[in-house]
Amino acid sequence: MKKIIYIVVVILILGAVGFKLMDNKEQMAANAAVAEIKSDAIPVTVTEVENTKLDKSFTAQGNFAPIQSLTLLSETQGQIQRVLKRKGDKVKAGELLLQVESNTMAADLATAQTNAEKAKKDLERFENLAAGDAITQRQLEDARLAAKSTQAQLVAARQRLNKTRITAPISGEINEIYVEIGSYLNPGTKLYDIVNVDKLKLKVKVNESEVLLINKGDKVTVKADAGSGQEYEGTVTAIAAQADPTLKFDVEVEVKNAANNNLRAGMYGTAFFDVAAERDAQLLPREAIVGSIQNPSVYVVKDGKATLRQVKVGTVTQDKVELLEGVQPGEQIVQSGQINLREGIKVTVL
């Protein structure tokens, strides 16, 4: 009898468990159906492009380049005796940098001077003899040629000696030195890199609409991205006559460096071109942009569905983006809720 009771109790327990599982399954199915209904239309907030006026002033970024930069090469040969300027030193044009062994050059110059003086005296003597018909015209011409030849040799010897004193061709700062005391030079040996950063050129690129607003001689406000906000006055010195393959135009802005030369070649800089005029523009909240500013898109709501559309942007401010292409006035653009969207999904406008 007890066995039968145990069996009945087990059957009742199993039945209760099975009923509970079925009830849970139906509840889960109901919840899934509700979730599916809820996710059928994604709630979003929308906005429209704002037609307004924008200042035609614009900014452009680029890199600073030195006003002058060169690699100094040797024009002589011989062993270096003295190194007067090293990396980091400032130099002025004409200042002595290196002294090369000059004994041989000095001896050659002395010989050339002796030969030139002798030829000059011989020519004077031959001219006197020619006046009395004591020599032929051919002998006189030979004396004149000898005088010219020795004079040319003297000039060349003097130049060779002068080139043993290697001087700075421009003012600037020694950016690199490639030789040492005792180094043996040949013509073409690399000696120094000299960079003049007393003035710099900020090289920027502008588009076709912006280049029409710039003229040579325009004053420009310049900042170094790595600086402490210090502003410099720049002057437009060159505007490209032809666009590059990306349809951008090169513009050079010359900037006078500070007394401590805190602007360095290679730094990033920003030029602000102040234009006293306004233009029509369409603005959109920046949060409506999907993706990066370099590859922007927006979701446009049409017939209750979201459609992803590529756009082209212009000026970017702290909270607004100028739209140049891709959206028409009056179209609804998703401002928030894009994270849940995909192409063609139904949306509910809040």
Protein backbone atom coordinates (compact mmCIF):
# COMPACT_ATOMS: atom_id res chain seq x y z
CA MET A 1 0.00 0.00 0.00
CA LYS A 2 2.83 2.40 0.88
CA LYS A 3 4.47 1.60 -2.43
CA ILE A 4 1.34 2.67 -4.30
CA ILE A 5 1.18 5.91 -2.31
CA TYR A 6 4.82 6.67 -3.14
CA ILE A 7 4.15 6.07 -6.84
CA VAL A 8 1.11 8.37 -6.78
CA VAL A 9 3.10 11.12 -5.01
CA VAL A 10 5.95 10.88 -7.56
CA ILE A 11 3.46 11.07 -10.44
CA LEU A 12 1.85 14.17 -8.90
CA ILE A 13 5.25 15.85 -8.42
CA LEU A 14 6.31 15.12 -12.01
CA GLY A 15 3.00 16.44 -13.28
CA ALA A 16 3.41 19.66 -11.28
CA VAL A 17 6.94 20.13 -12.62
CA GLY A 18 5.78 19.54 -16.19
CA PHE A 19 2.91 21.98 -15.80
CA LYS A 20 5.28 24.64 -14.43
CA LEU A 21 7.70 24.14 -17.32
CA MET A 22 4.89 24.48 -19.86
CA ASP A 23 3.64 27.62 -18.10
CA ASN A 24 7.17 29.13 -18.15
CA LYS A 25 7.54 28.28 -21.85
CA GLU A 26 4.28 29.99 -22.69
CA GLN A 27 5.31 33.02 -20.60
CA MET A 28 8.70 33.22 -22.38
CA ALA A 29 7.00 32.98 -25.74
CA ALA A 30 4.63 35.77 -24.74
CA ASN A 31 7.52 37.93 -23.56
CA ALA A 32 9.39 37.29 -26.82
CA ALA A 33 6.32 38.27 -28.79
CA VAL A 34 5.98 41.48 -26.78
CA ALA A 35 9.70 42.24 -27.29
CA GLU A 36 9.33 41.61 -31.00
CA ILE A 37 6.39 43.97 -31.11
CA LYS A 38 8.32 46.59 -29.15
CA SER A 39 11.43 46.26 -31.37
CA ASP A 40 9.43 46.44 -34.55
CA ALA A 41 9.72 50.27 -34.51
CA ILE A 42 12.77 51.94 -32.94
CA PRO A 43 12.02 55.21 -31.12
CA VAL A 44 14.18 58.13 -32.32
CA THR A 45 14.28 61.90 -32.15
CA VAL A 46 14.65 63.81 -35.38
CA THR A 47 15.77 67.24 -36.56
CA GLU A 48 16.06 69.16 -39.82
CA VAL A 49 18.84 71.17 -41.44
CA GLU A 50 18.91 74.80 -40.37
CA ASN A 51 19.30 77.43 -43.07
CA THR A 52 21.50 80.22 -41.77
CA LYS A 53 24.38 82.58 -42.59
CA LEU A 54 28.00 81.71 -41.92
CA ASP A 55 31.04 83.93 -41.86
CA LYS A 56 33.20 83.22 -44.92
CA SER A 57 36.27 83.26 -42.70
CA PHE A 58 37.92 79.85 -42.53
CA THR A 59 40.87 77.98 -41.10
CA ALA A 60 43.43 75.68 -42.72
CA GLN A 61 46.01 73.36 -41.19
CA GLY A 62 49.51 72.56 -42.36
CA ASN A 63 53.16 72.21 -41.39
CA PHE A 64 55.77 74.84 -40.71
CA ALA A 65 58.81 74.77 -43.00
CA PRO A 66 62.01 76.82 -42.63
CA ILE A 67 62.39 79.92 -44.76
CA GLN A 68 65.86 78.61 -45.73
CA SER A 69 67.36 75.14 -45.42
CA LEU A 70 70.43 73.60 -47.03
CA THR A 71 72.96 70.82 -46.78
CA LEU A 72 76.49 72.25 -46.98
CA LEU A 73 78.93 70.20 -49.08
CA SER A 74 82.71 70.43 -49.27
CA GLU A 75 84.27 72.19 -52.26
CA THR A 76 87.83 71.28 -51.29
CA GLN A 77 89.92 68.35 -50.15
CA GLY A 78 92.16 67.88 -47.17
CA GLN A 79 92.10 67.09 -43.47
CA ILE A 80 89.96 69.12 -41.05
CA GLN A 81 92.10 70.99 -38.51
CA ARG A 82 89.42 72.90 -36.59
CA VAL A 83 85.66 72.58 -36.01
CA LEU A 84 84.27 75.89 -34.82
CA LYS A 85 80.50 75.24 -34.97
CA ARG A 86 78.54 72.20 -33.85
CA LYS A 87 74.98 70.93 -33.73
CA GLY A 88 72.61 73.42 -32.12
CA ASP A 89 74.89 76.45 -32.65
CA LYS A 90 73.52 79.55 -34.31
CA VAL A 91 75.55 80.99 -37.17
CA LYS A 92 75.53 84.05 -39.37
CA ALA A 93 76.19 84.11 -43.09
CA GLY A 94 79.96 84.28 -43.71
CA GLU A 95 80.90 82.96 -40.26
CA LEU A 96 83.72 80.40 -40.16
CA LEU A 97 82.57 76.81 -39.55
CA LEU A 98 85.59 74.62 -40.39
CA GLN A 99 89.27 75.08 -41.12
CA VAL A 100 90.87 72.58 -43.50
CA GLU A 101 94.66 71.98 -43.72
CA SER A 102 95.94 74.71 -46.04
CA ASN A 103 99.75 74.35 -46.23
CA THR A 104 99.67 72.81 -49.68
CA MET A 105 97.19 75.39 -50.97
CA ALA A 106 99.29 78.22 -49.53
CA ALA A 107 102.41 76.87 -51.25
CA ASP A 108 100.51 76.61 -54.54
CA LEU A 109 99.37 80.21 -54.13
CA ALA A 110 102.92 81.41 -53.50
CA THR A 111 104.13 79.63 -56.63
CA ALA A 112 101.28 81.07 -58.67
CA GLN A 113 102.05 84.58 -57.42
CA THR A 114 105.74 84.19 -58.38
CA ASN A 115 104.86 82.92 -61.85
CA ALA A 116 102.33 85.71 -62.38
CA GLU A 117 104.82 88.41 -61.35
CA LYS A 118 107.52 86.93 -63.61
CA ALA A 119 105.14 86.74 -66.57
CA LYS A 120 104.06 90.33 -66.00
CA LYS A 121 107.67 91.56 -66.01
CA ASP A 122 108.48 89.49 -69.10
CA LEU A 123 105.51 91.04 -70.87
CA GLU A 124 106.66 94.57 -70.01
CA ARG A 125 110.15 93.76 -71.29
CA PHE A 126 108.81 92.22 -74.50
CA GLU A 127 106.56 95.23 -75.11
CA ASN A 128 109.61 97.51 -74.86
CA LEU A 129 111.54 95.28 -77.24
CA ALA A 130 108.61 95.17 -79.64
CA ALA A 131 108.53 98.98 -79.71
CA GLY A 132 112.08 98.92 -81.15
CA ASP A 133 111.32 96.00 -83.50
CA ALA A 134 113.74 93.83 -81.51
CA ILE A 135 111.34 90.86 -81.35
CA THR A 136 108.68 89.45 -83.60
CA GLN A 137 104.95 89.98 -83.16
CA ARG A 138 104.59 86.26 -82.43
CA GLN A 139 106.97 86.49 -79.45
CA LEU A 140 104.96 89.41 -78.08
CA GLU A 141 101.70 87.46 -78.38
CA ASP A 142 103.26 84.49 -76.58
CA ALA A 143 104.32 86.78 -73.73
CA ARG A 144 100.80 88.18 -73.45
CA LEU A 145 99.27 84.67 -73.37
CA ALA A 146 101.76 83.61 -70.67
CA ALA A 147 100.80 86.62 -68.56
CA LYS A 148 97.08 85.83 -68.88
CA SER A 149 97.61 82.15 -68.12
CA THR A 150 99.67 82.77 -65.00
CA GLN A 151 97.14 85.36 -63.81
CA ALA A 152 94.33 82.80 -64.19
CA GLN A 153 96.41 80.25 -62.28
CA LEU A 154 96.89 82.80 -59.52
CA VAL A 155 93.12 83.41 -59.22
CA ALA A 156 92.45 79.65 -59.10
CA ALA A 157 95.14 79.09 -56.43
CA ARG A 158 93.70 81.93 -54.32
CA GLN A 159 90.21 80.41 -54.57
CA ARG A 160 91.50 76.97 -53.55
CA LEU A 161 93.13 78.47 -50.48
CA ASN A 162 89.99 80.44 -49.59
CA LYS A 163 87.91 77.25 -49.77
CA THR A 164 89.94 75.71 -46.96
CA ARG A 165 88.08 78.21 -44.75
CA ILE A 166 84.55 76.82 -44.89
CA THR A 167 81.98 79.48 -43.95
CA ALA A 168 78.20 79.52 -43.51
CA PRO A 169 76.41 80.47 -46.73
CA ILE A 170 73.24 81.44 -44.83
CA SER A 171 72.30 82.49 -41.31
CA GLY A 172 70.53 79.90 -39.20
CA GLU A 173 71.04 77.04 -36.79
CA ILE A 174 73.20 73.94 -37.20
CA ASN A 175 70.69 71.11 -37.36
CA GLU A 176 73.27 68.35 -38.01
CA ILE A 177 77.05 67.98 -38.37
CA TYR A 178 78.60 65.10 -40.33
CA VAL A 179 82.38 65.56 -39.82
CA GLU A 180 84.94 65.80 -37.03
CA ILE A 181 88.50 67.05 -36.46
CA GLY A 182 90.79 64.79 -38.49
CA SER A 183 88.15 63.89 -41.06
CA TYR A 184 89.49 63.92 -44.60
CA LEU A 185 87.36 65.84 -47.05
CA ASN A 186 86.81 65.36 -50.74
CA PRO A 187 84.71 67.59 -52.98
CA GLY A 188 81.07 66.71 -52.29
CA THR A 189 81.57 65.48 -48.72
CA LYS A 190 78.51 66.34 -46.59
CA LEU A 191 79.40 68.79 -43.81
CA TYR A 192 76.38 70.45 -42.18
CA ASP A 193 72.61 70.82 -42.34
CA ILE A 194 71.75 74.48 -41.69
CA VAL A 195 68.18 75.61 -41.05
CA ASN A 196 66.99 79.20 -40.81
CA VAL A 197 63.86 79.43 -38.63
CA ASP A 198 63.94 83.18 -37.98
CA LYS A 199 61.05 83.09 -40.41
CA LEU A 200 58.95 80.07 -41.36
CA LYS A 201 56.49 79.14 -44.05
CA LEU A 202 53.19 77.56 -43.01
CA LYS A 203 52.12 75.40 -45.95
CA VAL A 204 48.37 74.78 -46.00
CA LYS A 205 45.80 73.48 -48.50
CA VAL A 206 42.46 75.16 -49.27
CA ASN A 207 39.54 74.20 -51.51
CA GLU A 208 38.39 75.91 -54.68
CA SER A 209 35.86 78.17 -52.98
CA GLU A 210 38.35 79.28 -50.33
CA VAL A 211 41.25 79.99 -52.68
CA LEU A 212 39.15 82.66 -54.43
CA LEU A 213 38.97 84.57 -51.13
CA ILE A 214 42.77 84.80 -50.70
CA ASN A 215 45.23 87.28 -52.20
CA LYS A 216 49.00 87.58 -51.93
CA GLY A 217 49.90 89.97 -49.16
CA ASP A 218 46.83 89.17 -47.02
CA LYS A 219 47.47 89.16 -43.28
CA VAL A 220 46.71 85.87 -41.53
CA THR A 221 46.55 84.89 -37.85
CA VAL A 222 48.65 81.79 -37.19
CA LYS A 223 48.86 79.44 -34.20
CA ALA A 224 51.06 76.42 -33.56
CA ASP A 225 49.01 73.39 -32.51
CA ALA A 226 51.72 72.44 -30.00
CA GLY A 227 52.07 75.96 -28.61
CA SER A 228 50.44 77.64 -25.64
CA GLY A 229 47.92 79.56 -27.71
CA GLN A 230 50.37 82.27 -28.78
CA GLU A 231 49.32 83.98 -32.00
CA TYR A 232 51.63 85.11 -34.80
CA GLU A 233 50.99 87.41 -37.71
CA GLY A 234 51.51 85.78 -41.08
CA THR A 235 51.48 87.05 -44.64
CA VAL A 236 50.29 85.12 -47.69
CA THR A 237 53.34 84.87 -49.97
CA ALA A 238 52.32 82.22 -52.52
CA ILE A 239 49.10 80.75 -53.93
CA ALA A 240 49.18 77.74 -56.24
CA ALA A 241 48.01 78.37 -59.78
CA GLN A 242 46.89 74.75 -60.16
CA ALA A 243 45.10 72.34 -57.83
CA ASP A 244 46.62 69.04 -56.73
CA PRO A 245 44.95 65.66 -57.55
CA THR A 246 42.60 66.12 -54.54
CA LEU A 247 41.44 69.50 -55.95
CA LYS A 248 43.20 71.38 -53.15
CA PHE A 249 45.37 74.47 -53.66
CA ASP A 250 48.69 75.01 -51.88
CA VAL A 251 49.01 78.30 -49.99
CA GLU A 252 52.17 79.51 -48.23
CA VAL A 253 52.00 81.87 -45.26
CA GLU A 254 55.24 83.46 -44.06
CA VAL A 255 55.52 83.87 -40.29
CA LYS A 256 58.18 85.72 -38.28
CA ASN A 257 59.36 83.56 -35.41
CA ALA A 258 59.50 84.72 -31.79
CA ALA A 259 62.79 85.91 -30.31
CA ASN A 260 63.41 82.50 -28.71
CA ASN A 261 62.55 80.67 -31.94
CA ASN A 262 59.87 78.59 -30.21
CA LEU A 263 58.32 77.75 -33.57
CA ARG A 264 60.07 74.75 -35.10
CA ALA A 265 60.11 73.43 -38.64
CA GLY A 266 57.81 70.42 -38.96
CA MET A 267 55.31 71.56 -36.31
CA TYR A 268 51.59 71.55 -37.14
CA GLY A 269 50.00 74.98 -37.42
CA THR A 270 46.61 76.54 -38.08
CA ALA A 271 46.04 79.65 -40.18
CA PHE A 272 42.89 81.73 -39.73
CA PHE A 273 41.83 83.59 -42.87
CA ASP A 274 39.58 86.49 -41.87
CA VAL A 275 37.05 87.26 -44.62
CA ALA A 276 34.61 90.15 -44.19
CA ALA A 277 31.63 88.46 -45.86
CA GLU A 278 28.87 85.92 -45.19
CA ARG A 279 27.47 82.97 -47.11
CA ASP A 280 24.38 80.76 -47.01
CA ALA A 281 24.81 77.49 -45.11
CA GLN A 282 22.85 74.47 -43.88
CA LEU A 283 23.69 73.40 -40.34
CA LEU A 284 22.95 70.19 -38.50
CA PRO A 285 23.61 69.17 -34.88
CA ARG A 286 26.92 67.35 -34.74
CA GLU A 287 25.39 64.44 -32.80
CA ALA A 288 23.30 63.56 -35.88
CA ILE A 289 26.43 62.52 -37.79
CA VAL A 290 27.04 58.78 -38.01
CA GLY A 291 30.69 57.74 -38.32
CA SER A 292 33.61 60.14 -38.52
CA ILE A 293 33.77 63.67 -39.94
CA GLN A 294 36.09 62.28 -42.63
CA ASN A 295 33.48 59.72 -43.74
CA PRO A 296 30.13 61.09 -42.49
CA SER A 297 26.60 59.73 -42.90
CA VAL A 298 23.15 60.47 -41.47
CA TYR A 299 19.93 58.49 -41.05
CA VAL A 300 17.02 60.06 -42.95
CA VAL A 301 13.46 59.10 -41.89
CA LYS A 302 11.07 58.55 -44.78
CA ASP A 303 7.75 56.64 -44.72
CA GLY A 304 8.48 55.49 -41.17
CA LYS A 305 11.81 53.88 -42.08
CA ALA A 306 15.44 54.90 -41.54
CA THR A 307 17.71 55.19 -44.55
CA LEU A 308 21.47 55.67 -44.20
CA ARG A 309 22.77 58.39 -46.51
CA GLN A 310 26.29 59.61 -47.23
CA VAL A 311 26.77 63.38 -46.81
CA LYS A 312 29.50 65.91 -47.45
CA VAL A 313 30.40 68.32 -44.65
CA GLY A 314 32.05 71.72 -44.65
CA THR A 315 32.73 73.88 -41.63
CA VAL A 316 32.69 72.04 -38.30
CA THR A 317 32.05 73.91 -35.03
CA GLN A 318 31.80 72.67 -31.47
CA ASP A 319 28.18 71.49 -31.78
CA LYS A 320 27.21 72.12 -35.41
CA VAL A 321 28.23 70.69 -38.77
CA GLU A 322 27.74 72.36 -42.14
CA LEU A 323 26.16 70.05 -44.73
CA LEU A 324 27.24 70.65 -48.30
CA GLU A 325 25.60 67.65 -50.02
CA GLY A 326 23.32 64.73 -49.22
CA VAL A 327 20.28 66.22 -47.46
CA GLN A 328 17.47 68.46 -48.68
CA PRO A 329 15.66 71.09 -46.56
CA GLY A 330 12.62 69.66 -44.79
CA GLU A 331 13.90 66.08 -44.59
CA GLN A 332 13.79 64.46 -41.17
CA ILE A 333 17.22 63.45 -39.88
CA VAL A 334 17.74 61.23 -36.86
CA GLN A 335 19.37 63.22 -34.07
CA SER A 336 19.46 60.53 -31.36
CA GLY A 337 18.83 56.79 -31.27
CA GLN A 338 21.11 55.93 -34.22
CA ILE A 339 22.90 53.23 -32.23
CA ASN A 340 19.93 50.90 -32.65
CA LEU A 341 19.33 51.63 -36.33
CA ARG A 342 20.14 49.77 -39.49
CA GLU A 343 19.22 50.30 -43.13
CA GLY A 344 15.46 50.11 -43.72
CA ILE A 345 14.39 49.52 -40.09
CA LYS A 346 11.08 50.96 -38.92
CA VAL A 347 11.26 53.93 -36.57
CA THR A 348 8.90 55.83 -34.32
CA VAL A 349 9.51 59.57 -34.09
CA LEU A 350 9.30 60.77 -30.51
